[in-house]
């Protein structure tokens, strides 16, 4: 893989810009932020306790309403958890995945052409199952 084929520097730059980070210290802040988020996500992902999973996701920045139930193996955006808003009385089934971004990083032709990174809020309204 040549340097031109590696999407990681482009992706890191885009995410750093989103969070307002720059330089080496910004890169370190970003990696620390993602490590913390990944640890909290990992704890939430495999726990059989819905209450614990909800608490871990809230610590990541996911906005979660009252009386929500998360089954095990729920994946909520690992890069932009703060863009996910879940209303009251929502149940998420096992193996649910919620993403606030699309990033065709595997193909630089697509990424640099018609399909750039797209980041938007995700709202799951109250009562959704």
N, C-alpha and C. Protein backbone atom coordinates (compact mmCIF):
# COMPACT_ATOMS: atom_id res chain seq x y z
N UNK A 1 0.85 -1.18 0.00
CA UNK A 1 0.00 0.00 0.00
C UNK A 1 0.89 1.23 0.00
N UNK A 2 0.68 2.10 -0.94
CA UNK A 2 1.44 3.34 -0.99
C UNK A 2 0.82 4.36 -0.06
N UNK A 3 1.54 5.43 0.17
CA UNK A 3 1.02 6.48 1.05
C UNK A 3 -0.27 7.07 0.50
N UNK A 4 -0.38 7.14 -0.82
CA UNK A 4 -1.58 7.69 -1.44
C UNK A 4 -2.79 6.77 -1.28
N UNK A 5 -2.54 5.47 -1.03
CA UNK A 5 -3.63 4.51 -0.88
C UNK A 5 -4.10 4.40 0.57
N UNK A 6 -3.41 5.02 1.50
CA UNK A 6 -3.73 4.89 2.91
C UNK A 6 -4.72 5.98 3.32
N UNK A 7 -5.97 5.60 3.65
CA UNK A 7 -6.97 6.61 4.01
C UNK A 7 -6.84 7.12 5.44
N UNK A 8 -6.03 6.47 6.29
CA UNK A 8 -5.98 6.85 7.70
C UNK A 8 -5.63 8.31 7.93
N UNK A 9 -4.58 8.87 7.30
CA UNK A 9 -4.27 10.28 7.55
C UNK A 9 -5.41 11.22 7.18
N UNK A 10 -6.13 10.91 6.11
CA UNK A 10 -7.27 11.75 5.71
C UNK A 10 -8.37 11.65 6.75
N UNK A 11 -8.68 10.43 7.19
CA UNK A 11 -9.73 10.23 8.19
C UNK A 11 -9.38 10.91 9.50
N UNK A 12 -8.14 10.74 9.95
CA UNK A 12 -7.72 11.36 11.21
C UNK A 12 -7.83 12.88 11.11
N UNK A 13 -7.43 13.45 10.00
CA UNK A 13 -7.51 14.91 9.81
C UNK A 13 -8.96 15.38 9.89
N UNK A 14 -9.87 14.67 9.23
CA UNK A 14 -11.29 15.06 9.24
C UNK A 14 -11.86 15.01 10.65
N UNK A 15 -11.55 13.96 11.39
CA UNK A 15 -12.09 13.82 12.74
C UNK A 15 -11.47 14.86 13.67
N UNK A 16 -10.18 15.12 13.52
CA UNK A 16 -9.53 16.15 14.34
C UNK A 16 -10.17 17.52 14.08
N UNK A 17 -10.45 17.83 12.83
CA UNK A 17 -11.10 19.09 12.50
C UNK A 17 -12.48 19.17 13.14
N UNK A 18 -13.23 18.06 13.09
CA UNK A 18 -14.57 18.03 13.68
C UNK A 18 -14.52 18.37 15.17
N UNK A 19 -13.56 17.78 15.89
CA UNK A 19 -13.46 18.00 17.33
C UNK A 19 -12.65 19.25 17.69
N UNK A 20 -12.12 19.96 16.70
CA UNK A 20 -11.37 21.18 16.96
C UNK A 20 -9.95 20.93 17.46
N UNK A 21 -9.37 19.79 17.13
CA UNK A 21 -8.01 19.46 17.54
C UNK A 21 -7.05 19.75 16.39
N UNK A 22 -5.79 20.02 16.74
CA UNK A 22 -4.76 20.19 15.71
C UNK A 22 -3.41 19.81 16.28
N UNK A 23 -2.49 19.51 15.40
CA UNK A 23 -1.12 19.21 15.79
C UNK A 23 -0.97 17.88 16.51
N UNK A 24 0.24 17.68 17.03
CA UNK A 24 0.54 16.42 17.74
C UNK A 24 -0.27 16.29 19.02
N UNK A 25 -0.42 17.39 19.74
CA UNK A 25 -1.20 17.31 20.99
C UNK A 25 -2.66 17.00 20.68
N UNK A 26 -3.17 17.54 19.57
CA UNK A 26 -4.54 17.23 19.16
C UNK A 26 -4.70 15.78 18.78
N UNK A 27 -3.70 15.24 18.11
CA UNK A 27 -3.72 13.82 17.74
C UNK A 27 -3.72 12.95 18.99
N UNK A 28 -2.92 13.32 19.99
CA UNK A 28 -2.89 12.57 21.25
C UNK A 28 -4.23 12.68 21.97
N UNK A 29 -4.82 13.88 22.02
CA UNK A 29 -6.14 14.06 22.64
C UNK A 29 -7.18 13.19 21.96
N UNK A 30 -7.15 13.16 20.63
CA UNK A 30 -8.11 12.37 19.87
C UNK A 30 -7.95 10.88 20.19
N UNK A 31 -6.72 10.40 20.20
CA UNK A 31 -6.49 8.98 20.49
C UNK A 31 -6.90 8.63 21.92
N UNK A 32 -6.65 9.54 22.86
CA UNK A 32 -7.07 9.32 24.25
C UNK A 32 -8.59 9.29 24.34
N UNK A 33 -9.25 10.21 23.64
CA UNK A 33 -10.71 10.25 23.62
C UNK A 33 -11.28 8.95 23.07
N UNK A 34 -10.71 8.46 21.97
CA UNK A 34 -11.20 7.22 21.37
C UNK A 34 -10.92 6.01 22.23
N UNK A 35 -9.78 5.99 22.91
CA UNK A 35 -9.47 4.87 23.80
C UNK A 35 -10.49 4.80 24.93
N UNK A 36 -10.78 5.95 25.54
CA UNK A 36 -11.78 6.00 26.61
C UNK A 36 -13.14 5.54 26.09
N UNK A 37 -13.54 6.06 24.93
CA UNK A 37 -14.83 5.70 24.34
C UNK A 37 -14.89 4.21 24.02
N UNK A 38 -13.79 3.66 23.50
CA UNK A 38 -13.76 2.25 23.14
C UNK A 38 -13.87 1.36 24.38
N UNK A 39 -13.19 1.75 25.48
CA UNK A 39 -13.28 0.97 26.72
C UNK A 39 -14.71 0.99 27.24
N UNK A 40 -15.32 2.17 27.30
CA UNK A 40 -16.71 2.26 27.77
C UNK A 40 -17.66 1.48 26.86
N UNK A 41 -17.45 1.59 25.55
CA UNK A 41 -18.28 0.84 24.60
C UNK A 41 -18.11 -0.66 24.82
N UNK A 42 -16.89 -1.12 25.00
CA UNK A 42 -16.63 -2.55 25.19
C UNK A 42 -17.34 -3.08 26.44
N UNK A 43 -17.32 -2.29 27.50
CA UNK A 43 -18.03 -2.69 28.72
C UNK A 43 -19.54 -2.76 28.48
N UNK A 44 -20.08 -1.77 27.77
CA UNK A 44 -21.52 -1.74 27.49
C UNK A 44 -21.92 -2.84 26.53
N UNK A 45 -21.07 -3.13 25.57
CA UNK A 45 -21.40 -4.05 24.47
C UNK A 45 -21.71 -5.47 24.96
N UNK A 46 -20.94 -5.96 25.91
CA UNK A 46 -21.07 -7.36 26.28
C UNK A 46 -21.76 -7.61 27.62
N UNK A 47 -22.18 -6.56 28.30
CA UNK A 47 -22.82 -6.78 29.59
C UNK A 47 -24.26 -7.26 29.43
N UNK A 48 -24.70 -8.18 30.29
CA UNK A 48 -26.11 -8.57 30.27
C UNK A 48 -27.00 -7.57 31.01
N UNK A 49 -26.39 -6.60 31.70
CA UNK A 49 -27.15 -5.61 32.48
C UNK A 49 -27.48 -4.39 31.62
N UNK A 50 -28.76 -4.22 31.33
CA UNK A 50 -29.18 -3.09 30.52
C UNK A 50 -28.85 -1.76 31.19
N UNK A 51 -29.08 -1.68 32.49
CA UNK A 51 -28.80 -0.44 33.22
C UNK A 51 -27.34 -0.04 33.14
N UNK A 52 -26.45 -1.03 33.25
CA UNK A 52 -25.02 -0.77 33.15
C UNK A 52 -24.66 -0.33 31.74
N UNK A 53 -25.23 -0.99 30.74
CA UNK A 53 -24.96 -0.63 29.34
C UNK A 53 -25.39 0.81 29.06
N UNK A 54 -26.57 1.19 29.53
CA UNK A 54 -27.06 2.55 29.33
C UNK A 54 -26.12 3.55 30.00
N UNK A 55 -25.69 3.24 31.22
CA UNK A 55 -24.79 4.14 31.95
C UNK A 55 -23.46 4.31 31.19
N UNK A 56 -22.89 3.23 30.69
CA UNK A 56 -21.63 3.31 29.94
C UNK A 56 -21.80 4.13 28.66
N UNK A 57 -22.92 3.93 27.97
CA UNK A 57 -23.16 4.69 26.73
C UNK A 57 -23.34 6.18 27.04
N UNK A 58 -24.02 6.49 28.14
CA UNK A 58 -24.16 7.90 28.53
C UNK A 58 -22.80 8.52 28.83
N UNK A 59 -21.91 7.74 29.46
CA UNK A 59 -20.56 8.25 29.76
C UNK A 59 -19.78 8.52 28.48
N UNK A 60 -20.12 7.83 27.41
CA UNK A 60 -19.48 8.06 26.10
C UNK A 60 -20.02 9.32 25.44
N UNK A 61 -21.18 9.82 25.89
CA UNK A 61 -21.76 11.02 25.29
C UNK A 61 -23.07 10.79 24.57
N UNK A 62 -23.53 9.53 24.52
CA UNK A 62 -24.82 9.23 23.89
C UNK A 62 -25.91 9.82 24.78
N UNK A 63 -26.86 10.53 24.18
CA UNK A 63 -27.98 11.09 24.93
C UNK A 63 -29.08 10.04 24.98
N UNK A 64 -29.43 9.59 26.18
CA UNK A 64 -30.39 8.50 26.34
C UNK A 64 -31.46 8.94 27.33
N UNK A 65 -32.72 8.76 26.94
CA UNK A 65 -33.85 9.13 27.78
C UNK A 65 -34.09 8.15 28.92
N UNK A 66 -35.24 8.32 29.56
CA UNK A 66 -35.60 7.50 30.71
C UNK A 66 -36.17 6.15 30.28
N UNK A 67 -36.01 5.17 31.15
CA UNK A 67 -36.63 3.86 31.00
C UNK A 67 -36.28 3.17 29.68
N UNK A 68 -35.01 3.23 29.30
CA UNK A 68 -34.56 2.57 28.07
C UNK A 68 -33.94 1.22 28.41
N UNK A 69 -34.04 0.29 27.48
CA UNK A 69 -33.49 -1.05 27.66
C UNK A 69 -32.60 -1.39 26.48
N UNK A 70 -31.35 -1.74 26.77
CA UNK A 70 -30.40 -2.16 25.74
C UNK A 70 -30.06 -3.62 25.96
N UNK A 71 -30.31 -4.45 24.96
CA UNK A 71 -29.86 -5.83 25.01
C UNK A 71 -28.36 -5.87 24.77
N UNK A 72 -27.72 -7.01 25.05
CA UNK A 72 -26.28 -7.10 24.77
C UNK A 72 -25.98 -6.94 23.28
N UNK A 73 -24.75 -6.57 23.00
CA UNK A 73 -24.21 -6.47 21.64
C UNK A 73 -24.82 -5.34 20.82
N UNK A 74 -25.13 -4.24 21.48
CA UNK A 74 -25.59 -3.03 20.78
C UNK A 74 -24.36 -2.18 20.47
N UNK A 75 -24.22 -1.78 19.22
CA UNK A 75 -23.08 -0.96 18.81
C UNK A 75 -23.59 0.44 18.47
N UNK A 76 -23.13 1.42 19.22
CA UNK A 76 -23.48 2.82 18.95
C UNK A 76 -22.21 3.53 18.51
N UNK A 77 -22.32 4.32 17.49
CA UNK A 77 -21.21 5.00 16.81
C UNK A 77 -19.97 5.18 17.70
N UNK A 78 -18.85 4.65 17.24
CA UNK A 78 -17.61 4.71 18.00
C UNK A 78 -16.87 6.02 17.82
N UNK A 79 -17.19 6.78 16.79
CA UNK A 79 -16.47 8.03 16.52
C UNK A 79 -17.26 9.25 16.97
N UNK A 80 -18.57 9.24 16.78
CA UNK A 80 -19.41 10.39 17.11
C UNK A 80 -20.57 9.98 18.03
N UNK A 81 -20.32 9.43 19.21
CA UNK A 81 -21.43 8.99 20.06
C UNK A 81 -22.33 10.14 20.51
N UNK A 82 -21.77 11.34 20.60
CA UNK A 82 -22.56 12.49 21.07
C UNK A 82 -23.62 12.93 20.07
N UNK A 83 -23.57 12.41 18.86
CA UNK A 83 -24.59 12.75 17.85
C UNK A 83 -25.79 11.80 17.87
N UNK A 84 -25.76 10.83 18.78
CA UNK A 84 -26.87 9.87 18.88
C UNK A 84 -27.76 10.28 20.04
N UNK A 85 -29.05 10.45 19.75
CA UNK A 85 -30.05 10.85 20.74
C UNK A 85 -31.14 9.79 20.77
N UNK A 86 -31.33 9.17 21.92
CA UNK A 86 -32.32 8.11 22.08
C UNK A 86 -33.37 8.59 23.08
N UNK A 87 -34.63 8.59 22.68
CA UNK A 87 -35.71 9.09 23.52
C UNK A 87 -36.07 8.17 24.67
N UNK A 88 -37.16 8.50 25.35
CA UNK A 88 -37.64 7.71 26.49
C UNK A 88 -38.28 6.40 26.01
N UNK A 89 -38.21 5.39 26.87
CA UNK A 89 -38.90 4.10 26.65
C UNK A 89 -38.51 3.43 25.34
N UNK A 90 -37.22 3.45 25.02
CA UNK A 90 -36.71 2.83 23.79
C UNK A 90 -36.04 1.51 24.15
N UNK A 91 -36.29 0.49 23.34
CA UNK A 91 -35.61 -0.80 23.48
C UNK A 91 -34.77 -1.05 22.25
N UNK A 92 -33.50 -1.38 22.47
CA UNK A 92 -32.60 -1.74 21.37
C UNK A 92 -32.29 -3.23 21.48
N UNK A 93 -32.59 -3.97 20.42
CA UNK A 93 -32.36 -5.41 20.40
C UNK A 93 -30.90 -5.75 20.20
N UNK A 94 -30.56 -6.99 20.52
CA UNK A 94 -29.19 -7.48 20.33
C UNK A 94 -28.74 -7.29 18.90
N UNK A 95 -27.49 -6.92 18.75
CA UNK A 95 -26.83 -6.72 17.46
C UNK A 95 -27.36 -5.51 16.69
N UNK A 96 -28.05 -4.59 17.38
CA UNK A 96 -28.44 -3.32 16.75
C UNK A 96 -27.19 -2.48 16.54
N UNK A 97 -27.17 -1.73 15.44
CA UNK A 97 -26.04 -0.83 15.16
C UNK A 97 -26.60 0.53 14.79
N UNK A 98 -26.07 1.57 15.43
CA UNK A 98 -26.51 2.93 15.17
C UNK A 98 -25.27 3.77 14.85
N UNK A 99 -25.26 4.36 13.66
CA UNK A 99 -24.12 5.16 13.22
C UNK A 99 -24.58 6.57 12.86
N UNK A 100 -23.77 7.57 13.25
CA UNK A 100 -24.05 8.96 12.91
C UNK A 100 -23.15 9.42 11.77
N UNK A 101 -22.43 8.49 11.16
CA UNK A 101 -21.53 8.89 10.08
C UNK A 101 -21.42 7.79 9.03
N UNK A 102 -21.05 8.23 7.87
CA UNK A 102 -20.70 7.32 6.79
C UNK A 102 -19.32 7.74 6.31
N UNK A 103 -18.44 6.79 6.14
CA UNK A 103 -17.08 7.12 5.76
C UNK A 103 -16.53 6.03 4.84
N UNK A 104 -16.59 6.24 3.55
CA UNK A 104 -16.09 5.22 2.63
C UNK A 104 -14.56 5.22 2.57
N UNK A 105 -13.92 4.94 3.70
CA UNK A 105 -12.46 5.04 3.78
C UNK A 105 -11.75 3.91 3.05
N UNK A 106 -12.44 2.83 2.79
CA UNK A 106 -11.78 1.70 2.13
C UNK A 106 -11.47 2.01 0.67
N UNK A 107 -12.12 3.01 0.11
CA UNK A 107 -11.92 3.31 -1.29
C UNK A 107 -11.69 4.82 -1.45
N UNK A 108 -10.44 5.20 -1.63
CA UNK A 108 -10.13 6.63 -1.75
C UNK A 108 -10.75 7.27 -2.97
N UNK A 109 -10.96 6.50 -4.02
CA UNK A 109 -11.62 7.03 -5.21
C UNK A 109 -13.01 7.53 -4.85
N UNK A 110 -13.77 6.73 -4.09
CA UNK A 110 -15.10 7.16 -3.65
C UNK A 110 -15.00 8.31 -2.67
N UNK A 111 -14.09 8.20 -1.71
CA UNK A 111 -13.96 9.21 -0.67
C UNK A 111 -13.64 10.58 -1.26
N UNK A 112 -12.76 10.63 -2.21
CA UNK A 112 -12.35 11.90 -2.81
C UNK A 112 -13.29 12.36 -3.91
N UNK A 113 -14.23 11.52 -4.28
CA UNK A 113 -15.14 11.86 -5.37
C UNK A 113 -16.52 12.20 -4.87
N UNK A 114 -17.46 11.36 -5.20
CA UNK A 114 -18.87 11.63 -4.95
C UNK A 114 -19.36 11.28 -3.54
N UNK A 115 -18.55 10.60 -2.73
CA UNK A 115 -19.03 10.11 -1.44
C UNK A 115 -18.12 10.53 -0.29
N UNK A 116 -18.06 11.82 0.04
CA UNK A 116 -17.22 12.25 1.15
C UNK A 116 -17.86 11.86 2.49
N UNK A 117 -17.10 12.05 3.56
CA UNK A 117 -17.62 11.74 4.90
C UNK A 117 -18.91 12.53 5.13
N UNK A 118 -19.88 11.86 5.70
CA UNK A 118 -21.15 12.50 6.03
C UNK A 118 -21.41 12.24 7.51
N UNK A 119 -21.64 13.31 8.26
CA UNK A 119 -21.88 13.21 9.69
C UNK A 119 -23.17 13.96 10.00
N UNK A 120 -24.13 13.25 10.60
CA UNK A 120 -25.40 13.88 10.97
C UNK A 120 -25.91 13.27 12.27
N UNK A 121 -26.76 14.03 12.96
CA UNK A 121 -27.37 13.52 14.18
C UNK A 121 -28.32 12.37 13.87
N UNK A 122 -28.42 11.46 14.82
CA UNK A 122 -29.37 10.35 14.74
C UNK A 122 -30.32 10.50 15.91
N UNK A 123 -31.61 10.57 15.63
CA UNK A 123 -32.62 10.68 16.67
C UNK A 123 -33.53 9.46 16.62
N UNK A 124 -33.57 8.73 17.73
CA UNK A 124 -34.51 7.63 17.87
C UNK A 124 -35.58 8.13 18.82
N UNK A 125 -36.78 8.26 18.31
CA UNK A 125 -37.85 8.88 19.09
C UNK A 125 -38.36 7.98 20.20
N UNK A 126 -38.99 8.60 21.17
CA UNK A 126 -39.52 7.88 22.33
C UNK A 126 -40.46 6.76 21.90
N UNK A 127 -40.34 5.64 22.60
CA UNK A 127 -41.22 4.50 22.36
C UNK A 127 -40.77 3.55 21.28
N UNK A 128 -39.66 3.82 20.62
CA UNK A 128 -39.19 2.94 19.54
C UNK A 128 -38.71 1.61 20.11
N UNK A 129 -38.98 0.56 19.34
CA UNK A 129 -38.54 -0.79 19.75
C UNK A 129 -37.76 -1.39 18.61
